[in-house]
């Protein structure tokens, strides 16, 4: 699982994902991608299905742009993406990431 570190209240860098299955890019043409994030200790949901932007559909690339409030609480979080394909089939957990939000100095 990848690990991302960000400073409290920062909204950059964005989270960049390359969604693959068995080492090959997943074609996201016509799909929607959502991002979820929960507190690793309490399980409290911080981000509940916010939209990602698909940046290169055929290469499985997408981006989550932090919104105000997403990074305002120091802690360790678990994040993952959920893909809804054009045939309405849903698959979660392609990409999982640990997000560490550290205190702003």
PDB file of N, CA and C in Angstrom:
ATOM      1  N   UNK A   1       0.848  -1.173   0.000  1.00  0.00           N
ATOM      2  CA  UNK A   1       0.000   0.000   0.000  1.00  0.00           C
ATOM      3  C   UNK A   1       0.892   1.235   0.000  1.00  0.00           C
ATOM      4  N   UNK A   2       0.602   2.152  -0.878  1.00  0.00           N
ATOM      5  CA  UNK A   2       1.367   3.393  -0.984  1.00  0.00           C
ATOM      6  C   UNK A   2       1.074   4.292   0.211  1.00  0.00           C
ATOM      7  N   UNK A   3       1.992   5.193   0.487  1.00  0.00           N
ATOM      8  CA  UNK A   3       1.834   6.141   1.587  1.00  0.00           C
ATOM      9  C   UNK A   3       2.055   7.557   1.066  1.00  0.00           C
ATOM     10  N   UNK A   4       1.161   8.452   1.447  1.00  0.00           N
ATOM     11  CA  UNK A   4       1.217   9.850   1.051  1.00  0.00           C
ATOM     12  C   UNK A   4       1.297  10.690   2.326  1.00  0.00           C
ATOM     13  N   UNK A   5       2.166  11.698   2.313  1.00  0.00           N
ATOM     14  CA  UNK A   5       2.248  12.625   3.443  1.00  0.00           C
ATOM     15  C   UNK A   5       1.865  14.008   2.953  1.00  0.00           C
ATOM     16  N   UNK A   6       1.055  14.692   3.753  1.00  0.00           N
ATOM     17  CA  UNK A   6       0.611  16.032   3.412  1.00  0.00           C
ATOM     18  C   UNK A   6       0.505  16.837   4.702  1.00  0.00           C
ATOM     19  N   UNK A   7       0.671  18.141   4.605  1.00  0.00           N
ATOM     20  CA  UNK A   7       0.593  19.022   5.767  1.00  0.00           C
ATOM     21  C   UNK A   7      -0.855  19.462   5.977  1.00  0.00           C
ATOM     22  N   UNK A   8      -1.243  19.557   7.247  1.00  0.00           N
ATOM     23  CA  UNK A   8      -2.584  19.975   7.622  1.00  0.00           C
ATOM     24  C   UNK A   8      -3.011  21.218   6.840  1.00  0.00           C
ATOM     25  N   UNK A   9      -4.216  21.172   6.297  1.00  0.00           N
ATOM     26  CA  UNK A   9      -4.867  22.242   5.528  1.00  0.00           C
ATOM     27  C   UNK A   9      -4.296  22.473   4.130  1.00  0.00           C
ATOM     28  N   UNK A  10      -3.283  21.699   3.703  1.00  0.00           N
ATOM     29  CA  UNK A  10      -2.794  21.817   2.326  1.00  0.00           C
ATOM     30  C   UNK A  10      -3.786  21.160   1.368  1.00  0.00           C
ATOM     31  N   UNK A  11      -3.861  21.679   0.152  1.00  0.00           N
ATOM     32  CA  UNK A  11      -4.716  21.078  -0.881  1.00  0.00           C
ATOM     33  C   UNK A  11      -3.912  20.669  -2.118  1.00  0.00           C
ATOM     34  N   UNK A  12      -2.593  20.725  -2.001  1.00  0.00           N
ATOM     35  CA  UNK A  12      -1.677  20.223  -3.029  1.00  0.00           C
ATOM     36  C   UNK A  12      -0.564  19.508  -2.321  1.00  0.00           C
ATOM     37  N   UNK A  13       0.045  18.509  -2.869  1.00  0.00           N
ATOM     38  CA  UNK A  13      -0.204  17.976  -4.207  1.00  0.00           C
ATOM     39  C   UNK A  13      -1.499  17.164  -4.245  1.00  0.00           C
ATOM     40  N   UNK A  14      -2.032  17.040  -5.446  1.00  0.00           N
ATOM     41  CA  UNK A  14      -3.212  16.213  -5.647  1.00  0.00           C
ATOM     42  C   UNK A  14      -2.839  14.740  -5.494  1.00  0.00           C
ATOM     43  N   UNK A  15      -3.838  13.917  -5.265  1.00  0.00           N
ATOM     44  CA  UNK A  15      -3.616  12.466  -5.261  1.00  0.00           C
ATOM     45  C   UNK A  15      -3.743  11.971  -6.693  1.00  0.00           C
ATOM     46  N   UNK A  16      -2.690  11.377  -7.195  1.00  0.00           N
ATOM     47  CA  UNK A  16      -2.677  10.846  -8.560  1.00  0.00           C
ATOM     48  C   UNK A  16      -2.725   9.321  -8.471  1.00  0.00           C
ATOM     49  N   UNK A  17      -3.630   8.722  -9.214  1.00  0.00           N
ATOM     50  CA  UNK A  17      -3.776   7.271  -9.214  1.00  0.00           C
ATOM     51  C   UNK A  17      -3.599   6.719 -10.621  1.00  0.00           C
ATOM     52  N   UNK A  18      -2.951   5.578 -10.726  1.00  0.00           N
ATOM     53  CA  UNK A  18      -2.933   4.810 -11.961  1.00  0.00           C
ATOM     54  C   UNK A  18      -3.586   3.480 -11.608  1.00  0.00           C
ATOM     55  N   UNK A  19      -4.782   3.289 -12.102  1.00  0.00           N
ATOM     56  CA  UNK A  19      -5.565   2.109 -11.739  1.00  0.00           C
ATOM     57  C   UNK A  19      -5.185   0.958 -12.669  1.00  0.00           C
ATOM     58  N   UNK A  20      -4.695  -0.104 -12.057  1.00  0.00           N
ATOM     59  CA  UNK A  20      -4.255  -1.283 -12.814  1.00  0.00           C
ATOM     60  C   UNK A  20      -4.879  -2.545 -12.237  1.00  0.00           C
ATOM     61  N   UNK A  21      -4.891  -3.563 -13.051  1.00  0.00           N
ATOM     62  CA  UNK A  21      -5.306  -4.895 -12.599  1.00  0.00           C
ATOM     63  C   UNK A  21      -4.356  -5.894 -13.233  1.00  0.00           C
ATOM     64  N   UNK A  22      -3.716  -6.676 -12.395  1.00  0.00           N
ATOM     65  CA  UNK A  22      -2.708  -7.646 -12.846  1.00  0.00           C
ATOM     66  C   UNK A  22      -1.611  -6.960 -13.660  1.00  0.00           C
ATOM     67  N   UNK A  23      -1.257  -5.729 -13.251  1.00  0.00           N
ATOM     68  CA  UNK A  23      -0.169  -4.993 -13.889  1.00  0.00           C
ATOM     69  C   UNK A  23      -0.544  -4.219 -15.141  1.00  0.00           C
ATOM     70  N   UNK A  24      -1.760  -4.391 -15.626  1.00  0.00           N
ATOM     71  CA  UNK A  24      -2.201  -3.696 -16.840  1.00  0.00           C
ATOM     72  C   UNK A  24      -3.163  -2.565 -16.475  1.00  0.00           C
ATOM     73  N   UNK A  25      -3.095  -1.434 -17.192  1.00  0.00           N
ATOM     74  CA  UNK A  25      -4.016  -0.331 -16.901  1.00  0.00           C
ATOM     75  C   UNK A  25      -5.467  -0.745 -17.132  1.00  0.00           C
ATOM     76  N   UNK A  26      -6.339  -0.282 -16.258  1.00  0.00           N
ATOM     77  CA  UNK A  26      -7.777  -0.499 -16.406  1.00  0.00           C
ATOM     78  C   UNK A  26      -8.330   0.640 -17.261  1.00  0.00           C
ATOM     79  N   UNK A  27      -9.051   0.292 -18.319  1.00  0.00           N
ATOM     80  CA  UNK A  27      -9.633   1.302 -19.208  1.00  0.00           C
ATOM     81  C   UNK A  27     -10.811   1.969 -18.496  1.00  0.00           C
ATOM     82  N   UNK A  28     -10.695   3.259 -18.258  1.00  0.00           N
ATOM     83  CA  UNK A  28     -11.719   4.012 -17.545  1.00  0.00           C
ATOM     84  C   UNK A  28     -12.646   4.785 -18.481  1.00  0.00           C
ATOM     85  N   UNK A  29     -12.595   4.480 -19.770  1.00  0.00           N
ATOM     86  CA  UNK A  29     -13.455   5.166 -20.731  1.00  0.00           C
ATOM     87  C   UNK A  29     -14.918   4.973 -20.341  1.00  0.00           C
ATOM     88  N   UNK A  30     -15.620   6.083 -20.140  1.00  0.00           N
ATOM     89  CA  UNK A  30     -17.034   6.037 -19.773  1.00  0.00           C
ATOM     90  C   UNK A  30     -17.298   5.724 -18.314  1.00  0.00           C
ATOM     91  N   UNK A  31     -16.250   5.521 -17.526  1.00  0.00           N
ATOM     92  CA  UNK A  31     -16.400   5.181 -16.110  1.00  0.00           C
ATOM     93  C   UNK A  31     -16.415   6.441 -15.253  1.00  0.00           C
ATOM     94  N   UNK A  32     -16.817   6.270 -14.002  1.00  0.00           N
ATOM     95  CA  UNK A  32     -16.661   7.321 -12.999  1.00  0.00           C
ATOM     96  C   UNK A  32     -15.818   6.745 -11.869  1.00  0.00           C
ATOM     97  N   UNK A  33     -15.033   7.618 -11.241  1.00  0.00           N
ATOM     98  CA  UNK A  33     -14.152   7.192 -10.154  1.00  0.00           C
ATOM     99  C   UNK A  33     -14.421   8.086  -8.953  1.00  0.00           C
ATOM    100  N   UNK A  34     -14.554   7.462  -7.787  1.00  0.00           N
ATOM    101  CA  UNK A  34     -14.783   8.191  -6.541  1.00  0.00           C
ATOM    102  C   UNK A  34     -13.696   7.841  -5.533  1.00  0.00           C
ATOM    103  N   UNK A  35     -13.416   8.788  -4.641  1.00  0.00           N
ATOM    104  CA  UNK A  35     -12.400   8.596  -3.607  1.00  0.00           C
ATOM    105  C   UNK A  35     -13.049   8.583  -2.233  1.00  0.00           C
ATOM    106  N   UNK A  36     -12.594   7.647  -1.409  1.00  0.00           N
ATOM    107  CA  UNK A  36     -13.068   7.503  -0.034  1.00  0.00           C
ATOM    108  C   UNK A  36     -11.871   7.545   0.901  1.00  0.00           C
ATOM    109  N   UNK A  37     -12.057   8.160   2.074  1.00  0.00           N
ATOM    110  CA  UNK A  37     -10.972   8.204   3.053  1.00  0.00           C
ATOM    111  C   UNK A  37     -11.569   8.126   4.455  1.00  0.00           C
ATOM    112  N   UNK A  38     -10.972   7.255   5.288  1.00  0.00           N
ATOM    113  CA  UNK A  38     -11.433   7.145   6.672  1.00  0.00           C
ATOM    114  C   UNK A  38     -10.250   7.171   7.625  1.00  0.00           C
ATOM    115  N   UNK A  39     -10.527   7.576   8.866  1.00  0.00           N
ATOM    116  CA  UNK A  39      -9.515   7.613   9.912  1.00  0.00           C
ATOM    117  C   UNK A  39      -9.064   6.182  10.198  1.00  0.00           C
ATOM    118  N   UNK A  40      -7.753   5.951  10.175  1.00  0.00           N
ATOM    119  CA  UNK A  40      -7.219   4.595  10.357  1.00  0.00           C
ATOM    120  C   UNK A  40      -7.440   4.069  11.767  1.00  0.00           C
ATOM    121  N   UNK A  41      -7.614   4.954  12.738  1.00  0.00           N
ATOM    122  CA  UNK A  41      -7.794   4.525  14.125  1.00  0.00           C
ATOM    123  C   UNK A  41      -9.261   4.354  14.493  1.00  0.00           C
ATOM    124  N   UNK A  42     -10.070   5.364  14.171  1.00  0.00           N
ATOM    125  CA  UNK A  42     -11.474   5.345  14.603  1.00  0.00           C
ATOM    126  C   UNK A  42     -12.426   4.769  13.560  1.00  0.00           C
ATOM    127  N   UNK A  43     -11.998   4.759  12.309  1.00  0.00           N
ATOM    128  CA  UNK A  43     -12.874   4.311  11.230  1.00  0.00           C
ATOM    129  C   UNK A  43     -13.855   5.379  10.775  1.00  0.00           C
ATOM    130  N   UNK A  44     -13.766   6.562  11.355  1.00  0.00           N
ATOM    131  CA  UNK A  44     -14.649   7.662  10.986  1.00  0.00           C
ATOM    132  C   UNK A  44     -14.368   8.093   9.543  1.00  0.00           C
ATOM    133  N   UNK A  45     -15.428   8.200   8.750  1.00  0.00           N
ATOM    134  CA  UNK A  45     -15.285   8.552   7.340  1.00  0.00           C
ATOM    135  C   UNK A  45     -15.038  10.052   7.205  1.00  0.00           C
ATOM    136  N   UNK A  46     -13.985  10.405   6.497  1.00  0.00           N
ATOM    137  CA  UNK A  46     -13.624  11.805   6.270  1.00  0.00           C
ATOM    138  C   UNK A  46     -14.059  12.253   4.868  1.00  0.00           C
ATOM    139  N   UNK A  47     -13.880  11.383   3.879  1.00  0.00           N
ATOM    140  CA  UNK A  47     -14.298  11.675   2.494  1.00  0.00           C
ATOM    141  C   UNK A  47     -15.152  10.497   2.037  1.00  0.00           C
ATOM    142  N   UNK A  48     -16.376  10.787   1.629  1.00  0.00           N
ATOM    143  CA  UNK A  48     -17.322   9.714   1.320  1.00  0.00           C
ATOM    144  C   UNK A  48     -17.750   9.755  -0.140  1.00  0.00           C
ATOM    145  N   UNK A  49     -16.885   9.279  -1.009  1.00  0.00           N
ATOM    146  CA  UNK A  49     -17.252   9.153  -2.417  1.00  0.00           C
ATOM    147  C   UNK A  49     -17.190  10.435  -3.210  1.00  0.00           C
ATOM    148  N   UNK A  50     -16.141  11.217  -2.993  1.00  0.00           N
ATOM    149  CA  UNK A  50     -15.954  12.441  -3.775  1.00  0.00           C
ATOM    150  C   UNK A  50     -15.373  12.091  -5.147  1.00  0.00           C
ATOM    151  N   UNK A  51     -15.786  12.846  -6.141  1.00  0.00           N
ATOM    152  CA  UNK A  51     -15.415  12.554  -7.525  1.00  0.00           C
ATOM    153  C   UNK A  51     -13.928  12.767  -7.791  1.00  0.00           C
ATOM    154  N   UNK A  52     -13.372  11.857  -8.555  1.00  0.00           N
ATOM    155  CA  UNK A  52     -12.022  11.996  -9.099  1.00  0.00           C
ATOM    156  C   UNK A  52     -12.160  12.427 -10.557  1.00  0.00           C
ATOM    157  N   UNK A  53     -11.112  13.058 -11.068  1.00  0.00           N
ATOM    158  CA  UNK A  53     -11.060  13.437 -12.469  1.00  0.00           C
ATOM    159  C   UNK A  53     -10.239  12.395 -13.215  1.00  0.00           C
ATOM    160  N   UNK A  54     -10.782  11.846 -14.274  1.00  0.00           N
ATOM    161  CA  UNK A  54     -10.035  10.904 -15.099  1.00  0.00           C
ATOM    162  C   UNK A  54      -9.138  11.725 -16.011  1.00  0.00           C
ATOM    163  N   UNK A  55      -7.833  11.503 -15.917  1.00  0.00           N
ATOM    164  CA  UNK A  55      -6.872  12.301 -16.687  1.00  0.00           C
ATOM    165  C   UNK A  55      -6.371  11.594 -17.937  1.00  0.00           C
ATOM    166  N   UNK A  56      -6.438  10.275 -17.984  1.00  0.00           N
ATOM    167  CA  UNK A  56      -6.082   9.489 -19.172  1.00  0.00           C
ATOM    168  C   UNK A  56      -6.823   8.162 -19.062  1.00  0.00           C
ATOM    169  N   UNK A  57      -7.994   8.104 -19.668  1.00  0.00           N
ATOM    170  CA  UNK A  57      -8.888   6.954 -19.495  1.00  0.00           C
ATOM    171  C   UNK A  57      -8.258   5.634 -19.930  1.00  0.00           C
ATOM    172  N   UNK A  58      -7.605   5.612 -21.082  1.00  0.00           N
ATOM    173  CA  UNK A  58      -7.074   4.344 -21.588  1.00  0.00           C
ATOM    174  C   UNK A  58      -5.879   3.847 -20.779  1.00  0.00           C
ATOM    175  N   UNK A  59      -5.230   4.750 -20.062  1.00  0.00           N
ATOM    176  CA  UNK A  59      -4.093   4.349 -19.221  1.00  0.00           C
ATOM    177  C   UNK A  59      -4.492   4.202 -17.752  1.00  0.00           C
ATOM    178  N   UNK A  60      -5.793   4.340 -17.453  1.00  0.00           N
ATOM    179  CA  UNK A  60      -6.271   4.141 -16.092  1.00  0.00           C
ATOM    180  C   UNK A  60      -5.851   5.214 -15.111  1.00  0.00           C
ATOM    181  N   UNK A  61      -5.617   6.438 -15.602  1.00  0.00           N
ATOM    182  CA  UNK A  61      -5.108   7.495 -14.727  1.00  0.00           C
ATOM    183  C   UNK A  61      -6.227   8.442 -14.294  1.00  0.00           C
ATOM    184  N   UNK A  62      -6.186   8.763 -12.988  1.00  0.00           N
ATOM    185  CA  UNK A  62      -7.151   9.709 -12.447  1.00  0.00           C
ATOM    186  C   UNK A  62      -6.512  10.499 -11.311  1.00  0.00           C
ATOM    187  N   UNK A  63      -7.231  11.530 -10.873  1.00  0.00           N
ATOM    188  CA  UNK A  63      -6.693  12.454  -9.865  1.00  0.00           C
ATOM    189  C   UNK A  63      -7.805  12.843  -8.906  1.00  0.00           C
ATOM    190  N   UNK A  64      -7.438  12.902  -7.629  1.00  0.00           N
ATOM    191  CA  UNK A  64      -8.347  13.481  -6.642  1.00  0.00           C
ATOM    192  C   UNK A  64      -7.779  14.821  -6.216  1.00  0.00           C
ATOM    193  N   UNK A  65      -8.600  15.874  -6.323  1.00  0.00           N
ATOM    194  CA  UNK A  65      -8.207  17.219  -5.922  1.00  0.00           C
ATOM    195  C   UNK A  65      -8.794  17.457  -4.531  1.00  0.00           C
ATOM    196  N   UNK A  66      -7.900  17.689  -3.567  1.00  0.00           N
ATOM    197  CA  UNK A  66      -8.343  17.923  -2.190  1.00  0.00           C
ATOM    198  C   UNK A  66      -9.302  19.102  -2.125  1.00  0.00           C
ATOM    199  N   UNK A  67     -10.369  18.955  -1.360  1.00  0.00           N
ATOM    200  CA  UNK A  67     -11.314  20.037  -1.104  1.00  0.00           C
ATOM    201  C   UNK A  67     -11.009  20.646   0.261  1.00  0.00           C
ATOM    202  N   UNK A  68     -11.504  21.853   0.478  1.00  0.00           N
ATOM    203  CA  UNK A  68     -11.336  22.486   1.787  1.00  0.00           C
ATOM    204  C   UNK A  68     -11.925  21.558   2.851  1.00  0.00           C
ATOM    205  N   UNK A  69     -11.188  21.330   3.907  1.00  0.00           N
ATOM    206  CA  UNK A  69     -11.652  20.465   4.988  1.00  0.00           C
ATOM    207  C   UNK A  69     -11.168  19.028   4.893  1.00  0.00           C
ATOM    208  N   UNK A  70     -10.704  18.603   3.719  1.00  0.00           N
ATOM    209  CA  UNK A  70     -10.230  17.218   3.565  1.00  0.00           C
ATOM    210  C   UNK A  70      -8.992  16.933   4.403  1.00  0.00           C
ATOM    211  N   UNK A  71      -8.138  17.925   4.572  1.00  0.00           N
ATOM    212  CA  UNK A  71      -6.854  17.719   5.254  1.00  0.00           C
ATOM    213  C   UNK A  71      -6.732  18.562   6.527  1.00  0.00           C
ATOM    214  N   UNK A  72      -7.856  18.947   7.112  1.00  0.00           N
ATOM    215  CA  UNK A  72      -7.801  19.833   8.272  1.00  0.00           C
ATOM    216  C   UNK A  72      -7.567  19.116   9.603  1.00  0.00           C
ATOM    217  N   UNK A  73      -7.596  17.795   9.616  1.00  0.00           N
ATOM    218  CA  UNK A  73      -7.436  17.052  10.863  1.00  0.00           C
ATOM    219  C   UNK A  73      -6.201  16.168  10.796  1.00  0.00           C
ATOM    220  N   UNK A  74      -5.259  16.416  11.723  1.00  0.00           N
ATOM    221  CA  UNK A  74      -4.023  15.633  11.788  1.00  0.00           C
ATOM    222  C   UNK A  74      -4.357  14.177  12.098  1.00  0.00           C
ATOM    223  N   UNK A  75      -3.660  13.255  11.437  1.00  0.00           N
ATOM    224  CA  UNK A  75      -3.866  11.839  11.710  1.00  0.00           C
ATOM    225  C   UNK A  75      -3.442  10.970  10.550  1.00  0.00           C
ATOM    226  N   UNK A  76      -3.704   9.696  10.701  1.00  0.00           N
ATOM    227  CA  UNK A  76      -3.413   8.714   9.660  1.00  0.00           C
ATOM    228  C   UNK A  76      -4.742   8.195   9.128  1.00  0.00           C
ATOM    229  N   UNK A  77      -4.841   8.171   7.811  1.00  0.00           N
ATOM    230  CA  UNK A  77      -6.084   7.805   7.143  1.00  0.00           C
ATOM    231  C   UNK A  77      -5.837   6.710   6.110  1.00  0.00           C
ATOM    232  N   UNK A  78      -6.893   5.988   5.803  1.00  0.00           N
ATOM    233  CA  UNK A  78      -6.861   4.987   4.741  1.00  0.00           C
ATOM    234  C   UNK A  78      -7.765   5.478   3.621  1.00  0.00           C
ATOM    235  N   UNK A  79      -7.259   5.419   2.396  1.00  0.00           N
ATOM    236  CA  UNK A  79      -8.041   5.870   1.258  1.00  0.00           C
ATOM    237  C   UNK A  79      -8.106   4.804   0.183  1.00  0.00           C
ATOM    238  N   UNK A  80      -9.167   4.859  -0.612  1.00  0.00           N
ATOM    239  CA  UNK A  80      -9.282   3.955  -1.756  1.00  0.00           C
ATOM    240  C   UNK A  80     -10.204   4.563  -2.793  1.00  0.00           C
ATOM    241  N   UNK A  81     -10.094   4.044  -4.007  1.00  0.00           N
ATOM    242  CA  UNK A  81     -10.957   4.507  -5.086  1.00  0.00           C
ATOM    243  C   UNK A  81     -11.977   3.426  -5.434  1.00  0.00           C
ATOM    244  N   UNK A  82     -13.106   3.900  -5.926  1.00  0.00           N
ATOM    245  CA  UNK A  82     -14.181   3.029  -6.391  1.00  0.00           C
ATOM    246  C   UNK A  82     -14.487   3.417  -7.830  1.00  0.00           C
ATOM    247  N   UNK A  83     -14.508   2.428  -8.712  1.00  0.00           N
ATOM    248  CA  UNK A  83     -14.779   2.669 -10.130  1.00  0.00           C
ATOM    249  C   UNK A  83     -16.157   2.120 -10.474  1.00  0.00           C
ATOM    250  N   UNK A  84     -16.966   2.961 -11.123  1.00  0.00           N
ATOM    251  CA  UNK A  84     -18.236   2.507 -11.683  1.00  0.00           C
ATOM    252  C   UNK A  84     -18.072   2.525 -13.194  1.00  0.00           C
ATOM    253  N   UNK A  85     -18.179   1.350 -13.786  1.00  0.00           N
ATOM    254  CA  UNK A  85     -17.985   1.194 -15.223  1.00  0.00           C
ATOM    255  C   UNK A  85     -19.270   1.529 -15.980  1.00  0.00           C
ATOM    256  N   UNK A  86     -19.178   1.747 -17.298  1.00  0.00           N
ATOM    257  CA  UNK A  86     -20.363   2.110 -18.085  1.00  0.00           C
ATOM    258  C   UNK A  86     -21.515   1.103 -17.969  1.00  0.00           C
ATOM    259  N   UNK A  87     -21.197  -0.156 -17.702  1.00  0.00           N
ATOM    260  CA  UNK A  87     -22.258  -1.163 -17.548  1.00  0.00           C
ATOM    261  C   UNK A  87     -22.828  -1.173 -16.133  1.00  0.00           C
ATOM    262  N   UNK A  88     -22.518  -0.158 -15.346  1.00  0.00           N
ATOM    263  CA  UNK A  88     -22.944   0.061 -13.957  1.00  0.00           C
ATOM    264  C   UNK A  88     -22.327  -0.916 -12.956  1.00  0.00           C
ATOM    265  N   UNK A  89     -21.393  -1.728 -13.375  1.00  0.00           N
ATOM    266  CA  UNK A  89     -20.678  -2.611 -12.449  1.00  0.00           C
ATOM    267  C   UNK A  89     -19.701  -1.773 -11.634  1.00  0.00           C
ATOM    268  N   UNK A  90     -19.588  -2.078 -10.348  1.00  0.00           N
ATOM    269  CA  UNK A  90     -18.743  -1.311  -9.433  1.00  0.00           C
ATOM    270  C   UNK A  90     -17.621  -2.191  -8.917  1.00  0.00           C
ATOM    271  N   UNK A  91     -16.432  -1.619  -8.864  1.00  0.00           N
ATOM    272  CA  UNK A  91     -15.306  -2.320  -8.262  1.00  0.00           C
ATOM    273  C   UNK A  91     -14.550  -1.341  -7.369  1.00  0.00           C
ATOM    274  N   UNK A  92     -14.308  -1.762  -6.141  1.00  0.00           N
ATOM    275  CA  UNK A  92     -13.624  -0.939  -5.146  1.00  0.00           C
ATOM    276  C   UNK A  92     -12.295  -1.574  -4.800  1.00  0.00           C
ATOM    277  N   UNK A  93     -11.352  -0.736  -4.411  1.00  0.00           N
ATOM    278  CA  UNK A  93     -10.102  -1.247  -3.877  1.00  0.00           C
ATOM    279  C   UNK A  93      -8.990  -1.439  -4.877  1.00  0.00           C
ATOM    280  N   UNK A  94      -9.161  -0.931  -6.100  1.00  0.00           N
ATOM    281  CA  UNK A  94      -8.054  -1.005  -7.054  1.00  0.00           C
ATOM    282  C   UNK A  94      -6.807  -0.387  -6.460  1.00  0.00           C
ATOM    283  N   UNK A  95      -6.985   0.788  -5.898  1.00  0.00           N
ATOM    284  CA  UNK A  95      -5.857   1.512  -5.315  1.00  0.00           C
ATOM    285  C   UNK A  95      -6.181   1.832  -3.873  1.00  0.00           C
ATOM    286  N   UNK A  96      -5.297   1.427  -2.986  1.00  0.00           N
ATOM    287  CA  UNK A  96      -5.432   1.765  -1.581  1.00  0.00           C
ATOM    288  C   UNK A  96      -4.189   2.541  -1.177  1.00  0.00           C
ATOM    289  N   UNK A  97      -4.387   3.515  -0.306  1.00  0.00           N
ATOM    290  CA  UNK A  97      -3.292   4.394   0.069  1.00  0.00           C
ATOM    291  C   UNK A  97      -3.426   4.783   1.534  1.00  0.00           C
ATOM    292  N   UNK A  98      -2.301   4.926   2.210  1.00  0.00           N
ATOM    293  CA  UNK A  98      -2.278   5.483   3.555  1.00  0.00           C
ATOM    294  C   UNK A  98      -1.934   6.964   3.419  1.00  0.00           C
ATOM    295  N   UNK A  99      -2.739   7.807   4.050  1.00  0.00           N
ATOM    296  CA  UNK A  99      -2.516   9.244   4.002  1.00  0.00           C
ATOM    297  C   UNK A  99      -2.175   9.716   5.412  1.00  0.00           C
ATOM    298  N   UNK A 100      -1.021  10.355   5.546  1.00  0.00           N
ATOM    299  CA  UNK A 100      -0.587  10.886   6.836  1.00  0.00           C
ATOM    300  C   UNK A 100      -0.670  12.400   6.750  1.00  0.00           C
ATOM    301  N   UNK A 101      -1.532  12.974   7.591  1.00  0.00           N
ATOM    302  CA  UNK A 101      -1.658  14.430   7.648  1.00  0.00           C
ATOM    303  C   UNK A 101      -0.929  14.888   8.906  1.00  0.00           C
ATOM    304  N   UNK A 102       0.129  15.666   8.692  1.00  0.00           N
ATOM    305  CA  UNK A 102       0.924  16.121   9.840  1.00  0.00           C
ATOM    306  C   UNK A 102       0.567  17.555  10.198  1.00  0.00           C
ATOM    307  N   UNK A 103       0.873  17.904  11.443  1.00  0.00           N
ATOM    308  CA  UNK A 103       0.551  19.215  11.985  1.00  0.00           C
ATOM    309  C   UNK A 103       1.218  20.335  11.196  1.00  0.00           C
ATOM    310  N   UNK A 104       0.475  21.394  10.994  1.00  0.00           N
ATOM    311  CA  UNK A 104       1.016  22.602  10.369  1.00  0.00           C
ATOM    312  C   UNK A 104       1.847  23.343  11.412  1.00  0.00           C
ATOM    313  N   UNK A 105       3.016  23.805  11.046  1.00  0.00           N
ATOM    314  CA  UNK A 105       3.898  24.475  12.009  1.00  0.00           C
ATOM    315  C   UNK A 105       3.419  25.891  12.268  1.00  0.00           C
TER     316      UNK A 105
END
